[in-house]
Amino acid sequence: MISVNGEKQIFQLHTKHTSYMMGVAAGKYLGHLYYGKRLEDDDAFYLLRLGRAEEVEQRHLKNKASFMDSFPFEYPAWGTGDFRDPALRVRDGGGHRVCELQYGGYEILELPV
C-alpha cells in the first residue's frame, strides 16, 4: 500500500509487516525517514531530526554545507557538500561534476492487472 501525507510531504510504502518512508525537507530535498517494522504514523517528519518541516529552510540551510553533509538523502549525489558515498556521480560536457538533485513532485499510477 502507498500512502502520502501531502501537507507534510511524507511518502510511505507499506507491506504487511514493514514500512518504507521518505520525506521532503525545505521543499526540495528528498530524505530517507525510515525502513523497518510497520508504522502507522503519517507525520513522521520528526525522524529526519531537523525540527519542524517549516523551519528547515531558515534554520538548517543557513550553513548549507553542514546540512548537505548530514541530511539523510534518499538518493545522494556527488559534489554538493555531502562527503559520504554517493549513489550518483556525473560529469557534464564542460567537465563539471556537481549534481544537486531536487524533489520536483510525485505521481501515483495504477498498474494494469
PDB file of N, CA and C in Angstrom:
ATOM      1  N   MET A   1       0.831  -1.171   0.000  1.00  0.00           N
ATOM      2  CA  MET A   1       0.000   0.000   0.000  1.00  0.00           C
ATOM      3  C   MET A   1       0.887   1.251   0.000  1.00  0.00           C
ATOM      4  N   ILE A   2       0.483   2.259  -0.741  1.00  0.00           N
ATOM      5  CA  ILE A   2       1.176   3.537  -0.789  1.00  0.00           C
ATOM      6  C   ILE A   2       0.288   4.575  -0.123  1.00  0.00           C
ATOM      7  N   SER A   3       0.885   5.388   0.748  1.00  0.00           N
ATOM      8  CA  SER A   3       0.125   6.494   1.327  1.00  0.00           C
ATOM      9  C   SER A   3       0.994   7.753   1.307  1.00  0.00           C
ATOM     10  N   VAL A   4       0.317   8.904   1.200  1.00  0.00           N
ATOM     11  CA  VAL A   4       1.013  10.182   1.099  1.00  0.00           C
ATOM     12  C   VAL A   4       0.369  11.179   2.055  1.00  0.00           C
ATOM     13  N   ASN A   5       1.188  11.854   2.828  1.00  0.00           N
ATOM     14  CA  ASN A   5       0.739  12.997   3.613  1.00  0.00           C
ATOM     15  C   ASN A   5       1.197  14.218   2.828  1.00  0.00           C
ATOM     16  N   GLY A   6       0.304  14.738   1.966  1.00  0.00           N
ATOM     17  CA  GLY A   6       0.652  15.835   1.074  1.00  0.00           C
ATOM     18  C   GLY A   6       1.052  17.105   1.790  1.00  0.00           C
ATOM     19  N   GLU A   7       0.423  17.394   2.911  1.00  0.00           N
ATOM     20  CA  GLU A   7       0.747  18.609   3.669  1.00  0.00           C
ATOM     21  C   GLU A   7       2.164  18.548   4.224  1.00  0.00           C
ATOM     22  N   LYS A   8       2.543  17.404   4.790  1.00  0.00           N
ATOM     23  CA  LYS A   8       3.873  17.236   5.387  1.00  0.00           C
ATOM     24  C   LYS A   8       4.900  16.706   4.394  1.00  0.00           C
ATOM     25  N   GLN A   9       4.458  16.314   3.203  1.00  0.00           N
ATOM     26  CA  GLN A   9       5.298  15.722   2.168  1.00  0.00           C
ATOM     27  C   GLN A   9       6.037  14.481   2.677  1.00  0.00           C
ATOM     28  N   ILE A  10       5.242  13.561   3.204  1.00  0.00           N
ATOM     29  CA  ILE A  10       5.735  12.272   3.688  1.00  0.00           C
ATOM     30  C   ILE A  10       5.153  11.187   2.788  1.00  0.00           C
ATOM     31  N   PHE A  11       6.008  10.301   2.295  1.00  0.00           N
ATOM     32  CA  PHE A  11       5.598   9.212   1.411  1.00  0.00           C
ATOM     33  C   PHE A  11       5.896   7.888   2.102  1.00  0.00           C
ATOM     34  N   GLN A  12       4.903   6.990   2.088  1.00  0.00           N
ATOM     35  CA  GLN A  12       5.053   5.717   2.774  1.00  0.00           C
ATOM     36  C   GLN A  12       4.689   4.563   1.854  1.00  0.00           C
ATOM     37  N   LEU A  13       5.513   3.540   1.880  1.00  0.00           N
ATOM     38  CA  LEU A  13       5.243   2.282   1.185  1.00  0.00           C
ATOM     39  C   LEU A  13       5.119   1.222   2.281  1.00  0.00           C
ATOM     40  N   HIS A  14       3.972   0.554   2.338  1.00  0.00           N
ATOM     41  CA  HIS A  14       3.729  -0.432   3.389  1.00  0.00           C
ATOM     42  C   HIS A  14       3.549  -1.830   2.805  1.00  0.00           C
ATOM     43  N   THR A  15       4.141  -2.782   3.490  1.00  0.00           N
ATOM     44  CA  THR A  15       3.810  -4.187   3.260  1.00  0.00           C
ATOM     45  C   THR A  15       3.064  -4.650   4.513  1.00  0.00           C
ATOM     46  N   LYS A  16       2.772  -5.919   4.597  1.00  0.00           N
ATOM     47  CA  LYS A  16       2.052  -6.443   5.765  1.00  0.00           C
ATOM     48  C   LYS A  16       2.820  -6.168   7.058  1.00  0.00           C
ATOM     49  N   HIS A  17       4.163  -6.237   6.999  1.00  0.00           N
ATOM     50  CA  HIS A  17       4.963  -6.131   8.220  1.00  0.00           C
ATOM     51  C   HIS A  17       5.974  -4.992   8.223  1.00  0.00           C
ATOM     52  N   THR A  18       6.152  -4.290   7.104  1.00  0.00           N
ATOM     53  CA  THR A  18       7.195  -3.264   7.052  1.00  0.00           C
ATOM     54  C   THR A  18       6.679  -1.932   6.504  1.00  0.00           C
ATOM     55  N   SER A  19       7.441  -0.882   6.787  1.00  0.00           N
ATOM     56  CA  SER A  19       7.180   0.450   6.239  1.00  0.00           C
ATOM     57  C   SER A  19       8.479   1.023   5.696  1.00  0.00           C
ATOM     58  N   TYR A  20       8.369   1.718   4.571  1.00  0.00           N
ATOM     59  CA  TYR A  20       9.488   2.444   3.973  1.00  0.00           C
ATOM     60  C   TYR A  20       8.992   3.876   3.819  1.00  0.00           C
ATOM     61  N   MET A  21       9.716   4.840   4.413  1.00  0.00           N
ATOM     62  CA  MET A  21       9.220   6.210   4.445  1.00  0.00           C
ATOM     63  C   MET A  21      10.269   7.196   3.941  1.00  0.00           C
ATOM     64  N   MET A  22       9.778   8.172   3.176  1.00  0.00           N
ATOM     65  CA  MET A  22      10.618   9.259   2.663  1.00  0.00           C
ATOM     66  C   MET A  22       9.905  10.573   2.953  1.00  0.00           C
ATOM     67  N   GLY A  23      10.684  11.644   3.105  1.00  0.00           N
ATOM     68  CA  GLY A  23      10.087  12.953   3.347  1.00  0.00           C
ATOM     69  C   GLY A  23      10.864  14.034   2.617  1.00  0.00           C
ATOM     70  N   VAL A  24      10.191  15.137   2.312  1.00  0.00           N
ATOM     71  CA  VAL A  24      10.803  16.257   1.595  1.00  0.00           C
ATOM     72  C   VAL A  24      11.100  17.369   2.588  1.00  0.00           C
ATOM     73  N   ALA A  25      12.358  17.792   2.653  1.00  0.00           N
ATOM     74  CA  ALA A  25      12.777  18.887   3.526  1.00  0.00           C
ATOM     75  C   ALA A  25      13.026  20.133   2.695  1.00  0.00           C
ATOM     76  N   ALA A  26      12.658  21.273   3.227  1.00  0.00           N
ATOM     77  CA  ALA A  26      12.846  22.573   2.576  1.00  0.00           C
ATOM     78  C   ALA A  26      12.210  22.616   1.192  1.00  0.00           C
ATOM     79  N   GLY A  27      11.222  21.756   0.959  1.00  0.00           N
ATOM     80  CA  GLY A  27      10.516  21.745  -0.315  1.00  0.00           C
ATOM     81  C   GLY A  27      11.312  21.210  -1.481  1.00  0.00           C
ATOM     82  N   LYS A  28      12.545  20.747  -1.252  1.00  0.00           N
ATOM     83  CA  LYS A  28      13.356  20.313  -2.391  1.00  0.00           C
ATOM     84  C   LYS A  28      14.305  19.147  -2.143  1.00  0.00           C
ATOM     85  N   TYR A  29      14.495  18.702  -0.910  1.00  0.00           N
ATOM     86  CA  TYR A  29      15.445  17.615  -0.649  1.00  0.00           C
ATOM     87  C   TYR A  29      14.711  16.378  -0.152  1.00  0.00           C
ATOM     88  N   LEU A  30      14.786  15.286  -0.904  1.00  0.00           N
ATOM     89  CA  LEU A  30      14.118  14.040  -0.538  1.00  0.00           C
ATOM     90  C   LEU A  30      15.016  13.246   0.404  1.00  0.00           C
ATOM     91  N   GLY A  31      14.513  13.009   1.606  1.00  0.00           N
ATOM     92  CA  GLY A  31      15.305  12.312   2.620  1.00  0.00           C
ATOM     93  C   GLY A  31      14.702  10.984   3.015  1.00  0.00           C
ATOM     94  N   HIS A  32      15.571  10.088   3.439  1.00  0.00           N
ATOM     95  CA  HIS A  32      15.161   8.772   3.926  1.00  0.00           C
ATOM     96  C   HIS A  32      14.721   8.924   5.375  1.00  0.00           C
ATOM     97  N   LEU A  33      13.483   8.545   5.661  1.00  0.00           N
ATOM     98  CA  LEU A  33      12.960   8.647   7.019  1.00  0.00           C
ATOM     99  C   LEU A  33      13.085   7.350   7.799  1.00  0.00           C
ATOM    100  N   TYR A  34      12.651   6.245   7.155  1.00  0.00           N
ATOM    101  CA  TYR A  34      12.540   5.021   7.942  1.00  0.00           C
ATOM    102  C   TYR A  34      12.379   3.812   7.039  1.00  0.00           C
ATOM    103  N   TYR A  35      12.964   2.695   7.480  1.00  0.00           N
ATOM    104  CA  TYR A  35      12.656   1.390   6.903  1.00  0.00           C
ATOM    105  C   TYR A  35      12.729   0.387   8.042  1.00  0.00           C
ATOM    106  N   GLY A  36      11.656  -0.351   8.250  1.00  0.00           N
ATOM    107  CA  GLY A  36      11.649  -1.353   9.316  1.00  0.00           C
ATOM    108  C   GLY A  36      10.249  -1.818   9.608  1.00  0.00           C
ATOM    109  N   LYS A  37      10.034  -2.198  10.874  1.00  0.00           N
ATOM    110  CA  LYS A  37       8.736  -2.700  11.322  1.00  0.00           C
ATOM    111  C   LYS A  37       7.642  -1.697  10.943  1.00  0.00           C
ATOM    112  N   ARG A  38       6.509  -2.212  10.513  1.00  0.00           N
ATOM    113  CA  ARG A  38       5.413  -1.363  10.023  1.00  0.00           C
ATOM    114  C   ARG A  38       5.018  -0.295  11.047  1.00  0.00           C
ATOM    115  N   LEU A  39       4.933   0.947  10.564  1.00  0.00           N
ATOM    116  CA  LEU A  39       4.473   2.088  11.354  1.00  0.00           C
ATOM    117  C   LEU A  39       3.185   2.620  10.750  1.00  0.00           C
ATOM    118  N   GLU A  40       2.338   3.166  11.559  1.00  0.00           N
ATOM    119  CA  GLU A  40       1.104   3.775  11.067  1.00  0.00           C
ATOM    120  C   GLU A  40       1.167   5.297  11.163  1.00  0.00           C
ATOM    121  N   ASP A  41       2.280   5.845  11.598  1.00  0.00           N
ATOM    122  CA  ASP A  41       2.458   7.289  11.771  1.00  0.00           C
ATOM    123  C   ASP A  41       2.579   7.965  10.412  1.00  0.00           C
ATOM    124  N   ASP A  42       1.651   8.844  10.063  1.00  0.00           N
ATOM    125  CA  ASP A  42       1.735   9.518   8.756  1.00  0.00           C
ATOM    126  C   ASP A  42       2.377  10.903   8.866  1.00  0.00           C
ATOM    127  N   ASP A  43       2.834  11.274  10.066  1.00  0.00           N
ATOM    128  CA  ASP A  43       3.501  12.554  10.283  1.00  0.00           C
ATOM    129  C   ASP A  43       4.885  12.285  10.860  1.00  0.00           C
ATOM    130  N   ALA A  44       5.700  11.553  10.130  1.00  0.00           N
ATOM    131  CA  ALA A  44       6.990  11.083  10.633  1.00  0.00           C
ATOM    132  C   ALA A  44       8.161  11.992  10.256  1.00  0.00           C
ATOM    133  N   PHE A  45       7.903  13.246   9.934  1.00  0.00           N
ATOM    134  CA  PHE A  45       8.981  14.173   9.564  1.00  0.00           C
ATOM    135  C   PHE A  45      10.020  14.285  10.681  1.00  0.00           C
ATOM    136  N   TYR A  46       9.586  14.118  11.919  1.00  0.00           N
ATOM    137  CA  TYR A  46      10.498  14.195  13.063  1.00  0.00           C
ATOM    138  C   TYR A  46      11.644  13.184  12.958  1.00  0.00           C
ATOM    139  N   LEU A  47      11.474  12.127  12.179  1.00  0.00           N
ATOM    140  CA  LEU A  47      12.526  11.125  12.031  1.00  0.00           C
ATOM    141  C   LEU A  47      13.764  11.676  11.315  1.00  0.00           C
ATOM    142  N   LEU A  48      13.624  12.797  10.587  1.00  0.00           N
ATOM    143  CA  LEU A  48      14.784  13.427   9.953  1.00  0.00           C
ATOM    144  C   LEU A  48      15.622  14.181  10.972  1.00  0.00           C
ATOM    145  N   ARG A  49      15.074  14.403  12.149  1.00  0.00           N
ATOM    146  CA  ARG A  49      15.742  15.114  13.245  1.00  0.00           C
ATOM    147  C   ARG A  49      16.185  16.522  12.832  1.00  0.00           C
ATOM    148  N   LEU A  50      15.328  17.211  12.104  1.00  0.00           N
ATOM    149  CA  LEU A  50      15.629  18.562  11.635  1.00  0.00           C
ATOM    150  C   LEU A  50      14.774  19.614  12.326  1.00  0.00           C
ATOM    151  N   GLY A  51      13.862  19.200  13.167  1.00  0.00           N
ATOM    152  CA  GLY A  51      12.902  20.135  13.740  1.00  0.00           C
ATOM    153  C   GLY A  51      11.637  20.105  12.917  1.00  0.00           C
ATOM    154  N   ARG A  52      10.841  21.142  13.027  1.00  0.00           N
ATOM    155  CA  ARG A  52       9.587  21.199  12.277  1.00  0.00           C
ATOM    156  C   ARG A  52       9.864  21.438  10.802  1.00  0.00           C
ATOM    157  N   ALA A  53       9.046  20.855   9.951  1.00  0.00           N
ATOM    158  CA  ALA A  53       9.242  20.927   8.494  1.00  0.00           C
ATOM    159  C   ALA A  53       9.346  22.359   8.003  1.00  0.00           C
ATOM    160  N   GLU A  54       8.512  23.257   8.532  1.00  0.00           N
ATOM    161  CA  GLU A  54       8.509  24.633   8.045  1.00  0.00           C
ATOM    162  C   GLU A  54       9.734  25.430   8.488  1.00  0.00           C
ATOM    163  N   GLU A  55      10.534  24.914   9.428  1.00  0.00           N
ATOM    164  CA  GLU A  55      11.723  25.621   9.900  1.00  0.00           C
ATOM    165  C   GLU A  55      13.005  25.211   9.187  1.00  0.00           C
ATOM    166  N   VAL A  56      12.969  24.162   8.406  1.00  0.00           N
ATOM    167  CA  VAL A  56      14.197  23.624   7.809  1.00  0.00           C
ATOM    168  C   VAL A  56      14.921  24.662   6.967  1.00  0.00           C
ATOM    169  N   GLU A  57      14.206  25.351   6.096  1.00  0.00           N
ATOM    170  CA  GLU A  57      14.837  26.324   5.195  1.00  0.00           C
ATOM    171  C   GLU A  57      15.594  27.394   5.975  1.00  0.00           C
ATOM    172  N   GLN A  58      14.950  28.005   6.962  1.00  0.00           N
ATOM    173  CA  GLN A  58      15.581  29.087   7.695  1.00  0.00           C
ATOM    174  C   GLN A  58      16.719  28.605   8.590  1.00  0.00           C
ATOM    175  N   ARG A  59      16.499  27.529   9.313  1.00  0.00           N
ATOM    176  CA  ARG A  59      17.442  27.117  10.337  1.00  0.00           C
ATOM    177  C   ARG A  59      18.622  26.323   9.811  1.00  0.00           C
ATOM    178  N   HIS A  60      18.400  25.389   8.912  1.00  0.00           N
ATOM    179  CA  HIS A  60      19.464  24.470   8.520  1.00  0.00           C
ATOM    180  C   HIS A  60      20.206  24.876   7.254  1.00  0.00           C
ATOM    181  N   LEU A  61      19.567  25.579   6.362  1.00  0.00           N
ATOM    182  CA  LEU A  61      20.238  25.908   5.113  1.00  0.00           C
ATOM    183  C   LEU A  61      21.055  27.193   5.215  1.00  0.00           C
ATOM    184  N   LYS A  62      21.089  27.818   6.405  1.00  0.00           N
ATOM    185  CA  LYS A  62      21.987  28.956   6.610  1.00  0.00           C
ATOM    186  C   LYS A  62      23.423  28.493   6.415  1.00  0.00           C
ATOM    187  N   ASN A  63      23.705  27.294   6.879  1.00  0.00           N
ATOM    188  CA  ASN A  63      25.011  26.681   6.665  1.00  0.00           C
ATOM    189  C   ASN A  63      24.782  25.465   5.778  1.00  0.00           C
ATOM    190  N   LYS A  64      24.627  25.709   4.492  1.00  0.00           N
ATOM    191  CA  LYS A  64      24.224  24.660   3.557  1.00  0.00           C
ATOM    192  C   LYS A  64      25.204  23.485   3.511  1.00  0.00           C
ATOM    193  N   ALA A  65      26.506  23.755   3.598  1.00  0.00           N
ATOM    194  CA  ALA A  65      27.492  22.659   3.527  1.00  0.00           C
ATOM    195  C   ALA A  65      27.293  21.678   4.673  1.00  0.00           C
ATOM    196  N   SER A  66      27.040  22.180   5.853  1.00  0.00           N
ATOM    197  CA  SER A  66      26.819  21.315   7.007  1.00  0.00           C
ATOM    198  C   SER A  66      25.528  20.511   6.832  1.00  0.00           C
ATOM    199  N   PHE A  67      24.482  21.170   6.332  1.00  0.00           N
ATOM    200  CA  PHE A  67      23.211  20.489   6.072  1.00  0.00           C
ATOM    201  C   PHE A  67      23.402  19.373   5.050  1.00  0.00           C
ATOM    202  N   MET A  68      24.064  19.672   3.931  1.00  0.00           N
ATOM    203  CA  MET A  68      24.241  18.697   2.856  1.00  0.00           C
ATOM    204  C   MET A  68      25.064  17.491   3.305  1.00  0.00           C
ATOM    205  N   ASP A  69      25.988  17.699   4.245  1.00  0.00           N
ATOM    206  CA  ASP A  69      26.832  16.598   4.710  1.00  0.00           C
ATOM    207  C   ASP A  69      26.146  15.727   5.754  1.00  0.00           C
ATOM    208  N   SER A  70      25.062  16.209   6.344  1.00  0.00           N
ATOM    209  CA  SER A  70      24.429  15.429   7.395  1.00  0.00           C
ATOM    210  C   SER A  70      23.000  14.980   7.076  1.00  0.00           C
ATOM    211  N   PHE A  71      22.363  15.575   6.070  1.00  0.00           N
ATOM    212  CA  PHE A  71      20.996  15.213   5.728  1.00  0.00           C
ATOM    213  C   PHE A  71      20.950  13.793   5.148  1.00  0.00           C
ATOM    214  N   PRO A  72      20.006  12.961   5.580  1.00  0.00           N
ATOM    215  CA  PRO A  72      19.928  11.572   5.085  1.00  0.00           C
ATOM    216  C   PRO A  72      19.227  11.492   3.719  1.00  0.00           C
ATOM    217  N   PHE A  73      19.924  11.891   2.675  1.00  0.00           N
ATOM    218  CA  PHE A  73      19.342  11.895   1.329  1.00  0.00           C
ATOM    219  C   PHE A  73      18.858  10.507   0.937  1.00  0.00           C
ATOM    220  N   GLU A  74      17.717  10.467   0.284  1.00  0.00           N
ATOM    221  CA  GLU A  74      17.197   9.197  -0.237  1.00  0.00           C
ATOM    222  C   GLU A  74      18.070   8.710  -1.387  1.00  0.00           C
ATOM    223  N   TYR A  75      18.568   9.633  -2.185  1.00  0.00           N
ATOM    224  CA  TYR A  75      19.422   9.293  -3.323  1.00  0.00           C
ATOM    225  C   TYR A  75      20.532  10.351  -3.413  1.00  0.00           C
ATOM    226  N   PRO A  76      21.635  10.171  -2.674  1.00  0.00           N
ATOM    227  CA  PRO A  76      22.684  11.196  -2.612  1.00  0.00           C
ATOM    228  C   PRO A  76      23.500  11.299  -3.903  1.00  0.00           C
ATOM    229  N   ALA A  77      23.849  12.529  -4.245  1.00  0.00           N
ATOM    230  CA  ALA A  77      24.663  12.791  -5.441  1.00  0.00           C
ATOM    231  C   ALA A  77      26.001  13.386  -5.024  1.00  0.00           C
ATOM    232  N   TRP A  78      26.984  13.239  -5.866  1.00  0.00           N
ATOM    233  CA  TRP A  78      28.339  13.689  -5.574  1.00  0.00           C
ATOM    234  C   TRP A  78      28.515  15.178  -5.890  1.00  0.00           C
ATOM    235  N   GLY A  79      29.314  15.847  -5.039  1.00  0.00           N
ATOM    236  CA  GLY A  79      29.744  17.198  -5.352  1.00  0.00           C
ATOM    237  C   GLY A  79      28.953  18.329  -4.741  1.00  0.00           C
ATOM    238  N   THR A  80      28.042  18.033  -3.824  1.00  0.00           N
ATOM    239  CA  THR A  80      27.225  19.105  -3.250  1.00  0.00           C
ATOM    240  C   THR A  80      27.589  19.414  -1.806  1.00  0.00           C
ATOM    241  N   GLY A  81      28.626  18.817  -1.284  1.00  0.00           N
ATOM    242  CA  GLY A  81      28.993  19.016   0.113  1.00  0.00           C
ATOM    243  C   GLY A  81      28.708  17.796   0.958  1.00  0.00           C
ATOM    244  N   ASP A  82      28.076  16.793   0.386  1.00  0.00           N
ATOM    245  CA  ASP A  82      27.836  15.538   1.087  1.00  0.00           C
ATOM    246  C   ASP A  82      29.049  14.658   0.816  1.00  0.00           C
ATOM    247  N   PHE A  83      29.851  14.416   1.840  1.00  0.00           N
ATOM    248  CA  PHE A  83      31.107  13.694   1.658  1.00  0.00           C
ATOM    249  C   PHE A  83      30.980  12.188   1.859  1.00  0.00           C
ATOM    250  N   ARG A  84      29.750  11.715   2.037  1.00  0.00           N
ATOM    251  CA  ARG A  84      29.534  10.269   2.131  1.00  0.00           C
ATOM    252  C   ARG A  84      29.522   9.679   0.720  1.00  0.00           C
ATOM    253  N   ASP A  85      29.513   8.355   0.638  1.00  0.00           N
ATOM    254  CA  ASP A  85      29.481   7.703  -0.679  1.00  0.00           C
ATOM    255  C   ASP A  85      28.206   8.071  -1.429  1.00  0.00           C
ATOM    256  N   PRO A  86      28.335   8.556  -2.671  1.00  0.00           N
ATOM    257  CA  PRO A  86      27.148   8.940  -3.441  1.00  0.00           C
ATOM    258  C   PRO A  86      26.511   7.748  -4.154  1.00  0.00           C
ATOM    259  N   ALA A  87      25.238   7.894  -4.486  1.00  0.00           N
ATOM    260  CA  ALA A  87      24.551   6.925  -5.335  1.00  0.00           C
ATOM    261  C   ALA A  87      24.687   7.341  -6.792  1.00  0.00           C
ATOM    262  N   LEU A  88      25.006   8.622  -7.023  1.00  0.00           N
ATOM    263  CA  LEU A  88      25.092   9.162  -8.375  1.00  0.00           C
ATOM    264  C   LEU A  88      26.309  10.057  -8.501  1.00  0.00           C
ATOM    265  N   ARG A  89      27.077   9.836  -9.546  1.00  0.00           N
ATOM    266  CA  ARG A  89      28.239  10.677  -9.859  1.00  0.00           C
ATOM    267  C   ARG A  89      28.212  10.910 -11.367  1.00  0.00           C
ATOM    268  N   VAL A  90      28.151  12.172 -11.774  1.00  0.00           N
ATOM    269  CA  VAL A  90      28.057  12.513 -13.191  1.00  0.00           C
ATOM    270  C   VAL A  90      29.130  13.538 -13.557  1.00  0.00           C
ATOM    271  N   ARG A  91      29.328  13.693 -14.865  1.00  0.00           N
ATOM    272  CA  ARG A  91      30.198  14.745 -15.388  1.00  0.00           C
ATOM    273  C   ARG A  91      29.539  15.259 -16.660  1.00  0.00           C
ATOM    274  N   ASP A  92      29.333  16.584 -16.740  1.00  0.00           N
ATOM    275  CA  ASP A  92      28.687  17.129 -17.941  1.00  0.00           C
ATOM    276  C   ASP A  92      29.733  17.414 -19.020  1.00  0.00           C
ATOM    277  N   GLY A  93      29.293  17.908 -20.172  1.00  0.00           N
ATOM    278  CA  GLY A  93      30.172  18.165 -21.310  1.00  0.00           C
ATOM    279  C   GLY A  93      31.288  19.149 -20.999  1.00  0.00           C
ATOM    280  N   GLY A  94      31.069  20.027 -20.023  1.00  0.00           N
ATOM    281  CA  GLY A  94      32.089  21.003 -19.634  1.00  0.00           C
ATOM    282  C   GLY A  94      33.020  20.481 -18.557  1.00  0.00           C
ATOM    283  N   GLY A  95      32.833  19.240 -18.130  1.00  0.00           N
ATOM    284  CA  GLY A  95      33.685  18.642 -17.108  1.00  0.00           C
ATOM    285  C   GLY A  95      33.220  18.888 -15.685  1.00  0.00           C
ATOM    286  N   HIS A  96      32.103  19.541 -15.511  1.00  0.00           N
ATOM    287  CA  HIS A  96      31.585  19.813 -14.167  1.00  0.00           C
ATOM    288  C   HIS A  96      30.974  18.551 -13.566  1.00  0.00           C
ATOM    289  N   ARG A  97      31.205  18.355 -12.278  1.00  0.00           N
ATOM    290  CA  ARG A  97      30.775  17.121 -11.633  1.00  0.00           C
ATOM    291  C   ARG A  97      29.722  17.314 -10.563  1.00  0.00           C
ATOM    292  N   VAL A  98      29.300  18.528 -10.307  1.00  0.00           N
ATOM    293  CA  VAL A  98      28.314  18.777  -9.262  1.00  0.00           C
ATOM    294  C   VAL A  98      26.910  18.491  -9.788  1.00  0.00           C
ATOM    295  N   CYS A  99      26.146  17.762  -8.991  1.00  0.00           N
ATOM    296  CA  CYS A  99      24.779  17.423  -9.360  1.00  0.00           C
ATOM    297  C   CYS A  99      23.926  17.480  -8.089  1.00  0.00           C
ATOM    298  N   GLU A 100      23.120  18.528  -7.955  1.00  0.00           N
ATOM    299  CA  GLU A 100      22.258  18.666  -6.783  1.00  0.00           C
ATOM    300  C   GLU A 100      20.836  18.277  -7.174  1.00  0.00           C
ATOM    301  N   LEU A 101      20.454  17.060  -6.813  1.00  0.00           N
ATOM    302  CA  LEU A 101      19.113  16.579  -7.124  1.00  0.00           C
ATOM    303  C   LEU A 101      18.094  17.271  -6.229  1.00  0.00           C
ATOM    304  N   GLN A 102      16.953  17.650  -6.816  1.00  0.00           N
ATOM    305  CA  GLN A 102      15.898  18.295  -6.048  1.00  0.00           C
ATOM    306  C   GLN A 102      14.555  17.662  -6.367  1.00  0.00           C
ATOM    307  N   TYR A 103      13.732  17.556  -5.344  1.00  0.00           N
ATOM    308  CA  TYR A 103      12.393  16.990  -5.466  1.00  0.00           C
ATOM    309  C   TYR A 103      11.549  17.882  -6.370  1.00  0.00           C
ATOM    310  N   GLY A 104      10.826  17.269  -7.306  1.00  0.00           N
ATOM    311  CA  GLY A 104      10.004  18.029  -8.236  1.00  0.00           C
ATOM    312  C   GLY A 104       8.530  17.689  -8.189  1.00  0.00           C
ATOM    313  N   GLY A 105       8.142  16.639  -7.501  1.00  0.00           N
ATOM    314  CA  GLY A 105       6.739  16.263  -7.429  1.00  0.00           C
ATOM    315  C   GLY A 105       6.590  14.752  -7.449  1.00  0.00           C
ATOM    316  N   TYR A 106       5.364  14.312  -7.403  1.00  0.00           N
ATOM    317  CA  TYR A 106       5.114  12.872  -7.418  1.00  0.00           C
ATOM    318  C   TYR A 106       3.831  12.576  -8.181  1.00  0.00           C
ATOM    319  N   GLU A 107       3.713  11.325  -8.569  1.00  0.00           N
ATOM    320  CA  GLU A 107       2.519  10.831  -9.227  1.00  0.00           C
ATOM    321  C   GLU A 107       2.380   9.357  -8.855  1.00  0.00           C
ATOM    322  N   ILE A 108       1.203   8.947  -8.489  1.00  0.00           N
ATOM    323  CA  ILE A 108       0.941   7.544  -8.176  1.00  0.00           C
ATOM    324  C   ILE A 108       0.117   6.981  -9.314  1.00  0.00           C
ATOM    325  N   LEU A 109       0.623   5.950  -9.951  1.00  0.00           N
ATOM    326  CA  LEU A 109      -0.023   5.354 -11.122  1.00  0.00           C
ATOM    327  C   LEU A 109      -0.615   3.993 -10.761  1.00  0.00           C
ATOM    328  N   GLU A 110      -1.757   3.688 -11.322  1.00  0.00           N
ATOM    329  CA  GLU A 110      -2.362   2.369 -11.180  1.00  0.00           C
ATOM    330  C   GLU A 110      -1.704   1.443 -12.205  1.00  0.00           C
ATOM    331  N   LEU A 111      -1.274   0.281 -11.757  1.00  0.00           N
ATOM    332  CA  LEU A 111      -0.702  -0.707 -12.671  1.00  0.00           C
ATOM    333  C   LEU A 111      -1.831  -1.529 -13.277  1.00  0.00           C
ATOM    334  N   PRO A 112      -1.711  -1.856 -14.561  1.00  0.00           N
ATOM    335  CA  PRO A 112      -2.742  -2.708 -15.166  1.00  0.00           C
ATOM    336  C   PRO A 112      -2.712  -4.100 -14.547  1.00  0.00           C
ATOM    337  N   VAL A 113      -3.882  -4.673 -14.395  1.00  0.00           N
ATOM    338  CA  VAL A 113      -3.987  -6.009 -13.783  1.00  0.00           C
ATOM    339  C   VAL A 113      -3.874  -7.070 -14.832  1.00  0.00           C
TER     340      VAL A 113
END
